[in-house]
Amino acid sequence: MDKIKILGFAGSLRKGSFNRALLRVALEAAPENVEIDTFDIAPIPLFNEDVRLQGVPVPVAFMGSGGGLGTARAQYHLRQVAVFTEMLPLNKPEVFVPRAWEKFDAEGNLLDPKIKEKVRGLLEALAVWTIRLKK
């Protein structure tokens, strides 16, 4: 099976964010055919036409953490952006981590193994989706 390369980034700029912790879980949970590079979005300007002209990736998936429905709302807005930019987001599975402060310890380590399974499922589905889009 082809190796799938994924760029992962946390939408939160806070160093101790649960989204950053969830990204670390994705690195640990990645299937063997998935390679995840991480990127810090802090230096990215809000809009850069030079970046847009280079093209945007076609396969994309979303996951996030938070208290209530914040990550769900943010993910749905990102899906709207994907429509405009002609990206083809993975429809499911969706990964939401509600009450993240209960799922990670003070150092950002995951306490709930079910979440790691969900993240791995998302990455496996994204790998299959990417291969389908390449054909």
Foldseek 3Di string as FASTA:
>chain_A
DAAAEEEDEFPDLDPQDLSVLLVVLLCVLADPSYHYDYDYCVVPDPDDVVVVVVADEAEDEDADEDAPCVRVVVVVVVVVVCVVSVHDYDPDDYYYHHPSPVQADSNSHGDDVVNSVRSNVRNVSSVVVVVVVVD
